[in-house]
Amino acid sequence: MKISVCSAALVLALAVPAFADGEGDVKKGEKTFKKCATCHSIVAEDGTVIAKGGKVGPNLYGVIGRTAGTYPDFAYGDSIVAAGVAGKVWSAEEIAKYVVNPAAWLAEATGDAGAKTKMAFKLAKGGADVAAYIESVGPATE
């Protein structure tokens, strides 16, 4: 079976995360974040609650620009800490990739095919939107 160049290009375009165009949809991300709020909250440094959520995962306020696995006083797994040691810093694009398959992201980030994640949840759709939302409610980054 032959695949035309146009068909192959279309398949590749659909496989690239939504951040390929640079942005997700903040409004959709706010709605989708409700799934994330089972484990994560977004609470500003002054205590302002932006998104009430669980404490199983780290607070996501200010995660953009933060080195992976470094939120203070949170018990991270070894693999996410290793990703941070390897230089991984959270950007909206990295978050969009991570939420699709945390274990695969960690394996790539650390070079360890056996990397393990504590985050069992996978967000099949809307990763770029959630990342855009998290970025929009965080502190200004330079």
Foldseek 3Di string as FASTA:
>chain_A
DDDDPVRVVVVVVVPQFPCVVPADAQVVLVVVCVVVQQDEFAADPVGRGPGHGHPNDYHLAPQQFAQFPDDPPDDFDPLRVLLSVLPDGDHLSLQLVCQQPVLVSSCVSNVPNPDDGPDPHHDNDDSRNNSNNSQVPHDDDD
